[in-house]
């Protein structure tokens, strides 16, 4: 299992995947908004999303786990 963490503090603007989706390395999965900038978060390795730990509108801190990929 690979955990995907937020790389900055911000509000979850968009969730681009759901549990069960296949993802490829480098694919954007979450978009964070911070200081009026939209920052995409990508997975590092291909796999299947087993859990999305955030919803649109949630606030996350740097290092918070936002997604789990198997």
PDB file of N, CA and C in Angstrom:
ATOM      1  N   UNK A   1       0.822  -1.187   0.000  1.00  0.00           N
ATOM      2  CA  UNK A   1       0.000   0.000   0.000  1.00  0.00           C
ATOM      3  C   UNK A   1       0.867   1.251   0.000  1.00  0.00           C
ATOM      4  N   UNK A   2       0.517   2.182  -0.830  1.00  0.00           N
ATOM      5  CA  UNK A   2       1.234   3.450  -0.900  1.00  0.00           C
ATOM      6  C   UNK A   2       0.301   4.550  -0.412  1.00  0.00           C
ATOM      7  N   UNK A   3       0.805   5.393   0.451  1.00  0.00           N
ATOM      8  CA  UNK A   3       0.020   6.511   0.940  1.00  0.00           C
ATOM      9  C   UNK A   3       0.465   7.778   0.211  1.00  0.00           C
ATOM     10  N   UNK A   4      -0.502   8.561  -0.212  1.00  0.00           N
ATOM     11  CA  UNK A   4      -0.220   9.815  -0.884  1.00  0.00           C
ATOM     12  C   UNK A   4      -0.505  10.927   0.126  1.00  0.00           C
ATOM     13  N   UNK A   5       0.493  11.791   0.343  1.00  0.00           N
ATOM     14  CA  UNK A   5       0.365  12.856   1.333  1.00  0.00           C
ATOM     15  C   UNK A   5       0.279  14.217   0.655  1.00  0.00           C
ATOM     16  N   UNK A   6      -0.374  15.143   1.337  1.00  0.00           N
ATOM     17  CA  UNK A   6      -0.420  16.531   0.863  1.00  0.00           C
ATOM     18  C   UNK A   6       0.989  17.107   0.954  1.00  0.00           C
ATOM     19  N   UNK A   7       1.390  17.870  -0.035  1.00  0.00           N
ATOM     20  CA  UNK A   7       2.727  18.457  -0.014  1.00  0.00           C
ATOM     21  C   UNK A   7       2.707  19.919   0.430  1.00  0.00           C
ATOM     22  N   UNK A   8       1.525  20.369   0.858  1.00  0.00           N
ATOM     23  CA  UNK A   8       1.372  21.725   1.380  1.00  0.00           C
ATOM     24  C   UNK A   8       0.037  21.803   2.109  1.00  0.00           C
ATOM     25  N   UNK A   9      -0.131  22.832   2.914  1.00  0.00           N
ATOM     26  CA  UNK A   9      -1.414  23.054   3.576  1.00  0.00           C
ATOM     27  C   UNK A   9      -2.351  23.754   2.599  1.00  0.00           C
ATOM     28  N   UNK A  10      -3.620  23.388   2.639  1.00  0.00           N
ATOM     29  CA  UNK A  10      -4.587  24.033   1.762  1.00  0.00           C
ATOM     30  C   UNK A  10      -5.942  23.352   1.854  1.00  0.00           C
ATOM     31  N   UNK A  11      -6.862  23.847   1.066  1.00  0.00           N
ATOM     32  CA  UNK A  11      -8.216  23.302   1.002  1.00  0.00           C
ATOM     33  C   UNK A  11      -8.330  22.373  -0.197  1.00  0.00           C
ATOM     34  N   UNK A  12      -8.981  21.231  -0.013  1.00  0.00           N
ATOM     35  CA  UNK A  12      -9.200  20.301  -1.120  1.00  0.00           C
ATOM     36  C   UNK A  12     -10.194  20.955  -2.078  1.00  0.00           C
ATOM     37  N   UNK A  13      -9.719  21.285  -3.273  1.00  0.00           N
ATOM     38  CA  UNK A  13     -10.537  21.956  -4.281  1.00  0.00           C
ATOM     39  C   UNK A  13     -11.300  20.943  -5.122  1.00  0.00           C
ATOM     40  N   UNK A  14     -10.593  19.886  -5.579  1.00  0.00           N
ATOM     41  CA  UNK A  14     -11.228  18.835  -6.374  1.00  0.00           C
ATOM     42  C   UNK A  14     -10.633  17.482  -6.025  1.00  0.00           C
ATOM     43  N   UNK A  15     -11.494  16.468  -5.991  1.00  0.00           N
ATOM     44  CA  UNK A  15     -11.066  15.074  -5.867  1.00  0.00           C
ATOM     45  C   UNK A  15     -11.299  14.465  -7.234  1.00  0.00           C
ATOM     46  N   UNK A  16     -10.236  14.024  -7.887  1.00  0.00           N
ATOM     47  CA  UNK A  16     -10.315  13.575  -9.276  1.00  0.00           C
ATOM     48  C   UNK A  16     -10.510  12.069  -9.432  1.00  0.00           C
ATOM     49  N   UNK A  17     -10.416  11.313  -8.332  1.00  0.00           N
ATOM     50  CA  UNK A  17     -10.555   9.854  -8.388  1.00  0.00           C
ATOM     51  C   UNK A  17     -11.464   9.396  -7.250  1.00  0.00           C
ATOM     52  N   UNK A  18     -11.884   8.132  -7.327  1.00  0.00           N
ATOM     53  CA  UNK A  18     -12.670   7.534  -6.244  1.00  0.00           C
ATOM     54  C   UNK A  18     -12.108   6.136  -5.963  1.00  0.00           C
ATOM     55  N   UNK A  19     -12.512   5.561  -4.861  1.00  0.00           N
ATOM     56  CA  UNK A  19     -12.060   4.217  -4.497  1.00  0.00           C
ATOM     57  C   UNK A  19     -12.392   3.251  -5.620  1.00  0.00           C
ATOM     58  N   UNK A  20     -11.423   2.413  -5.974  1.00  0.00           N
ATOM     59  CA  UNK A  20     -11.603   1.431  -7.041  1.00  0.00           C
ATOM     60  C   UNK A  20     -11.020   1.870  -8.372  1.00  0.00           C
ATOM     61  N   UNK A  21     -10.748   3.168  -8.541  1.00  0.00           N
ATOM     62  CA  UNK A  21     -10.180   3.660  -9.799  1.00  0.00           C
ATOM     63  C   UNK A  21      -8.728   3.202  -9.967  1.00  0.00           C
ATOM     64  N   UNK A  22      -8.366   2.865 -11.198  1.00  0.00           N
ATOM     65  CA  UNK A  22      -6.973   2.577 -11.532  1.00  0.00           C
ATOM     66  C   UNK A  22      -6.279   3.906 -11.814  1.00  0.00           C
ATOM     67  N   UNK A  23      -5.065   4.067 -11.310  1.00  0.00           N
ATOM     68  CA  UNK A  23      -4.293   5.283 -11.566  1.00  0.00           C
ATOM     69  C   UNK A  23      -2.923   4.904 -12.106  1.00  0.00           C
ATOM     70  N   UNK A  24      -2.363   5.786 -12.907  1.00  0.00           N
ATOM     71  CA  UNK A  24      -1.029   5.550 -13.451  1.00  0.00           C
ATOM     72  C   UNK A  24      -0.043   6.526 -12.810  1.00  0.00           C
ATOM     73  N   UNK A  25       1.220   6.165 -12.830  1.00  0.00           N
ATOM     74  CA  UNK A  25       2.253   7.007 -12.232  1.00  0.00           C
ATOM     75  C   UNK A  25       2.205   8.402 -12.840  1.00  0.00           C
ATOM     76  N   UNK A  26       2.234   9.403 -11.982  1.00  0.00           N
ATOM     77  CA  UNK A  26       2.212  10.779 -12.431  1.00  0.00           C
ATOM     78  C   UNK A  26       0.826  11.368 -12.628  1.00  0.00           C
ATOM     79  N   UNK A  27      -0.213  10.556 -12.443  1.00  0.00           N
ATOM     80  CA  UNK A  27      -1.590  11.030 -12.637  1.00  0.00           C
ATOM     81  C   UNK A  27      -2.012  11.927 -11.471  1.00  0.00           C
ATOM     82  N   UNK A  28      -2.635  13.057 -11.787  1.00  0.00           N
ATOM     83  CA  UNK A  28      -3.184  13.940 -10.757  1.00  0.00           C
ATOM     84  C   UNK A  28      -4.406  13.278 -10.140  1.00  0.00           C
ATOM     85  N   UNK A  29      -4.482  13.324  -8.789  1.00  0.00           N
ATOM     86  CA  UNK A  29      -5.597  12.690  -8.093  1.00  0.00           C
ATOM     87  C   UNK A  29      -6.397  13.669  -7.230  1.00  0.00           C
ATOM     88  N   UNK A  30      -5.743  14.702  -6.758  1.00  0.00           N
ATOM     89  CA  UNK A  30      -6.364  15.710  -5.896  1.00  0.00           C
ATOM     90  C   UNK A  30      -5.835  17.073  -6.329  1.00  0.00           C
ATOM     91  N   UNK A  31      -6.693  18.085  -6.258  1.00  0.00           N
ATOM     92  CA  UNK A  31      -6.249  19.459  -6.491  1.00  0.00           C
ATOM     93  C   UNK A  31      -6.470  20.236  -5.205  1.00  0.00           C
ATOM     94  N   UNK A  32      -5.384  20.823  -4.675  1.00  0.00           N
ATOM     95  CA  UNK A  32      -5.473  21.656  -3.486  1.00  0.00           C
ATOM     96  C   UNK A  32      -5.507  23.117  -3.892  1.00  0.00           C
ATOM     97  N   UNK A  33      -6.149  23.927  -3.073  1.00  0.00           N
ATOM     98  CA  UNK A  33      -6.153  25.369  -3.296  1.00  0.00           C
ATOM     99  C   UNK A  33      -5.504  26.019  -2.088  1.00  0.00           C
ATOM    100  N   UNK A  34      -4.522  26.869  -2.359  1.00  0.00           N
ATOM    101  CA  UNK A  34      -3.843  27.590  -1.298  1.00  0.00           C
ATOM    102  C   UNK A  34      -3.433  28.947  -1.840  1.00  0.00           C
ATOM    103  N   UNK A  35      -3.771  29.987  -1.139  1.00  0.00           N
ATOM    104  CA  UNK A  35      -3.437  31.351  -1.549  1.00  0.00           C
ATOM    105  C   UNK A  35      -3.885  31.632  -2.985  1.00  0.00           C
ATOM    106  N   UNK A  36      -5.096  31.178  -3.319  1.00  0.00           N
ATOM    107  CA  UNK A  36      -5.724  31.382  -4.631  1.00  0.00           C
ATOM    108  C   UNK A  36      -4.993  30.677  -5.779  1.00  0.00           C
ATOM    109  N   UNK A  37      -4.119  29.733  -5.440  1.00  0.00           N
ATOM    110  CA  UNK A  37      -3.450  28.911  -6.453  1.00  0.00           C
ATOM    111  C   UNK A  37      -4.002  27.498  -6.371  1.00  0.00           C
ATOM    112  N   UNK A  38      -4.182  26.865  -7.532  1.00  0.00           N
ATOM    113  CA  UNK A  38      -4.594  25.465  -7.576  1.00  0.00           C
ATOM    114  C   UNK A  38      -3.355  24.608  -7.804  1.00  0.00           C
ATOM    115  N   UNK A  39      -3.135  23.666  -6.888  1.00  0.00           N
ATOM    116  CA  UNK A  39      -1.933  22.833  -6.929  1.00  0.00           C
ATOM    117  C   UNK A  39      -2.335  21.365  -7.034  1.00  0.00           C
ATOM    118  N   UNK A  40      -2.035  20.709  -8.172  1.00  0.00           N
ATOM    119  CA  UNK A  40      -2.387  19.289  -8.307  1.00  0.00           C
ATOM    120  C   UNK A  40      -1.438  18.393  -7.507  1.00  0.00           C
ATOM    121  N   UNK A  41      -1.995  17.318  -6.957  1.00  0.00           N
ATOM    122  CA  UNK A  41      -1.216  16.293  -6.258  1.00  0.00           C
ATOM    123  C   UNK A  41      -1.299  15.027  -7.113  1.00  0.00           C
ATOM    124  N   UNK A  42      -0.148  14.460  -7.439  1.00  0.00           N
ATOM    125  CA  UNK A  42      -0.091  13.279  -8.304  1.00  0.00           C
ATOM    126  C   UNK A  42       0.406  12.063  -7.522  1.00  0.00           C
ATOM    127  N   UNK A  43       0.018  10.871  -7.991  1.00  0.00           N
ATOM    128  CA  UNK A  43       0.546   9.627  -7.417  1.00  0.00           C
ATOM    129  C   UNK A  43       1.903   9.342  -8.053  1.00  0.00           C
ATOM    130  N   UNK A  44       2.766   8.689  -7.294  1.00  0.00           N
ATOM    131  CA  UNK A  44       4.106   8.384  -7.786  1.00  0.00           C
ATOM    132  C   UNK A  44       4.177   7.049  -8.524  1.00  0.00           C
ATOM    133  N   UNK A  45       3.270   6.119  -8.161  1.00  0.00           N
ATOM    134  CA  UNK A  45       3.285   4.787  -8.761  1.00  0.00           C
ATOM    135  C   UNK A  45       1.883   4.383  -9.192  1.00  0.00           C
ATOM    136  N   UNK A  46       1.812   3.539 -10.201  1.00  0.00           N
ATOM    137  CA  UNK A  46       0.521   3.040 -10.682  1.00  0.00           C
ATOM    138  C   UNK A  46      -0.096   2.098  -9.656  1.00  0.00           C
ATOM    139  N   UNK A  47      -1.411   1.999  -9.678  1.00  0.00           N
ATOM    140  CA  UNK A  47      -2.108   1.086  -8.788  1.00  0.00           C
ATOM    141  C   UNK A  47      -3.598   1.347  -8.797  1.00  0.00           C
ATOM    142  N   UNK A  48      -4.276   0.816  -7.769  1.00  0.00           N
ATOM    143  CA  UNK A  48      -5.718   0.993  -7.629  1.00  0.00           C
ATOM    144  C   UNK A  48      -5.984   1.784  -6.349  1.00  0.00           C
ATOM    145  N   UNK A  49      -6.828   2.795  -6.452  1.00  0.00           N
ATOM    146  CA  UNK A  49      -7.173   3.608  -5.282  1.00  0.00           C
ATOM    147  C   UNK A  49      -7.994   2.749  -4.327  1.00  0.00           C
ATOM    148  N   UNK A  50      -7.494   2.568  -3.104  1.00  0.00           N
ATOM    149  CA  UNK A  50      -8.254   1.781  -2.127  1.00  0.00           C
ATOM    150  C   UNK A  50      -9.038   2.675  -1.173  1.00  0.00           C
ATOM    151  N   UNK A  51      -8.571   3.912  -0.980  1.00  0.00           N
ATOM    152  CA  UNK A  51      -9.290   4.803  -0.067  1.00  0.00           C
ATOM    153  C   UNK A  51      -8.944   6.257  -0.366  1.00  0.00           C
ATOM    154  N   UNK A  52      -9.972   7.089  -0.413  1.00  0.00           N
ATOM    155  CA  UNK A  52      -9.800   8.538  -0.515  1.00  0.00           C
ATOM    156  C   UNK A  52     -10.142   9.087   0.862  1.00  0.00           C
ATOM    157  N   UNK A  53      -9.186   9.726   1.523  1.00  0.00           N
ATOM    158  CA  UNK A  53      -9.354  10.142   2.907  1.00  0.00           C
ATOM    159  C   UNK A  53      -9.861  11.575   3.068  1.00  0.00           C
ATOM    160  N   UNK A  54     -10.081  12.286   1.966  1.00  0.00           N
ATOM    161  CA  UNK A  54     -10.537  13.676   2.036  1.00  0.00           C
ATOM    162  C   UNK A  54     -11.737  13.891   1.126  1.00  0.00           C
ATOM    163  N   UNK A  55     -12.451  14.976   1.378  1.00  0.00           N
ATOM    164  CA  UNK A  55     -13.563  15.384   0.530  1.00  0.00           C
ATOM    165  C   UNK A  55     -13.328  16.823   0.099  1.00  0.00           C
ATOM    166  N   UNK A  56     -13.980  17.225  -0.972  1.00  0.00           N
ATOM    167  CA  UNK A  56     -13.868  18.604  -1.420  1.00  0.00           C
ATOM    168  C   UNK A  56     -14.309  19.531  -0.295  1.00  0.00           C
ATOM    169  N   UNK A  57     -13.512  20.560  -0.052  1.00  0.00           N
ATOM    170  CA  UNK A  57     -13.794  21.515   1.015  1.00  0.00           C
ATOM    171  C   UNK A  57     -13.025  21.255   2.296  1.00  0.00           C
ATOM    172  N   UNK A  58     -12.446  20.044   2.441  1.00  0.00           N
ATOM    173  CA  UNK A  58     -11.652  19.730   3.638  1.00  0.00           C
ATOM    174  C   UNK A  58     -10.360  20.531   3.633  1.00  0.00           C
ATOM    175  N   UNK A  59      -9.876  20.889   4.827  1.00  0.00           N
ATOM    176  CA  UNK A  59      -8.566  21.531   4.954  1.00  0.00           C
ATOM    177  C   UNK A  59      -7.552  20.460   5.325  1.00  0.00           C
ATOM    178  N   UNK A  60      -6.392  20.467   4.671  1.00  0.00           N
ATOM    179  CA  UNK A  60      -5.323  19.514   4.981  1.00  0.00           C
ATOM    180  C   UNK A  60      -4.046  20.275   5.295  1.00  0.00           C
ATOM    181  N   UNK A  61      -3.231  19.668   6.121  1.00  0.00           N
ATOM    182  CA  UNK A  61      -1.917  20.216   6.440  1.00  0.00           C
ATOM    183  C   UNK A  61      -0.846  19.478   5.660  1.00  0.00           C
ATOM    184  N   UNK A  62       0.312  20.082   5.538  1.00  0.00           N
ATOM    185  CA  UNK A  62       1.448  19.451   4.869  1.00  0.00           C
ATOM    186  C   UNK A  62       1.738  18.111   5.557  1.00  0.00           C
ATOM    187  N   UNK A  63       1.780  17.048   4.775  1.00  0.00           N
ATOM    188  CA  UNK A  63       2.071  15.714   5.308  1.00  0.00           C
ATOM    189  C   UNK A  63       0.862  14.873   5.633  1.00  0.00           C
ATOM    190  N   UNK A  64      -0.339  15.465   5.630  1.00  0.00           N
ATOM    191  CA  UNK A  64      -1.561  14.684   5.891  1.00  0.00           C
ATOM    192  C   UNK A  64      -1.763  13.653   4.779  1.00  0.00           C
ATOM    193  N   UNK A  65      -2.166  12.440   5.147  1.00  0.00           N
ATOM    194  CA  UNK A  65      -2.460  11.388   4.165  1.00  0.00           C
ATOM    195  C   UNK A  65      -3.803  11.695   3.535  1.00  0.00           C
ATOM    196  N   UNK A  66      -3.825  11.782   2.205  1.00  0.00           N
ATOM    197  CA  UNK A  66      -5.058  12.140   1.510  1.00  0.00           C
ATOM    198  C   UNK A  66      -5.623  10.994   0.665  1.00  0.00           C
ATOM    199  N   UNK A  67      -4.787   9.984   0.375  1.00  0.00           N
ATOM    200  CA  UNK A  67      -5.194   8.910  -0.531  1.00  0.00           C
ATOM    201  C   UNK A  67      -4.336   7.691  -0.272  1.00  0.00           C
ATOM    202  N   UNK A  68      -4.935   6.497  -0.463  1.00  0.00           N
ATOM    203  CA  UNK A  68      -4.178   5.248  -0.334  1.00  0.00           C
ATOM    204  C   UNK A  68      -4.330   4.473  -1.635  1.00  0.00           C
ATOM    205  N   UNK A  69      -3.193   4.013  -2.184  1.00  0.00           N
ATOM    206  CA  UNK A  69      -3.161   3.256  -3.437  1.00  0.00           C
ATOM    207  C   UNK A  69      -2.537   1.898  -3.165  1.00  0.00           C
ATOM    208  N   UNK A  70      -3.152   0.839  -3.722  1.00  0.00           N
ATOM    209  CA  UNK A  70      -2.607  -0.524  -3.578  1.00  0.00           C
ATOM    210  C   UNK A  70      -1.803  -0.884  -4.802  1.00  0.00           C
TER     211      UNK A  70
END
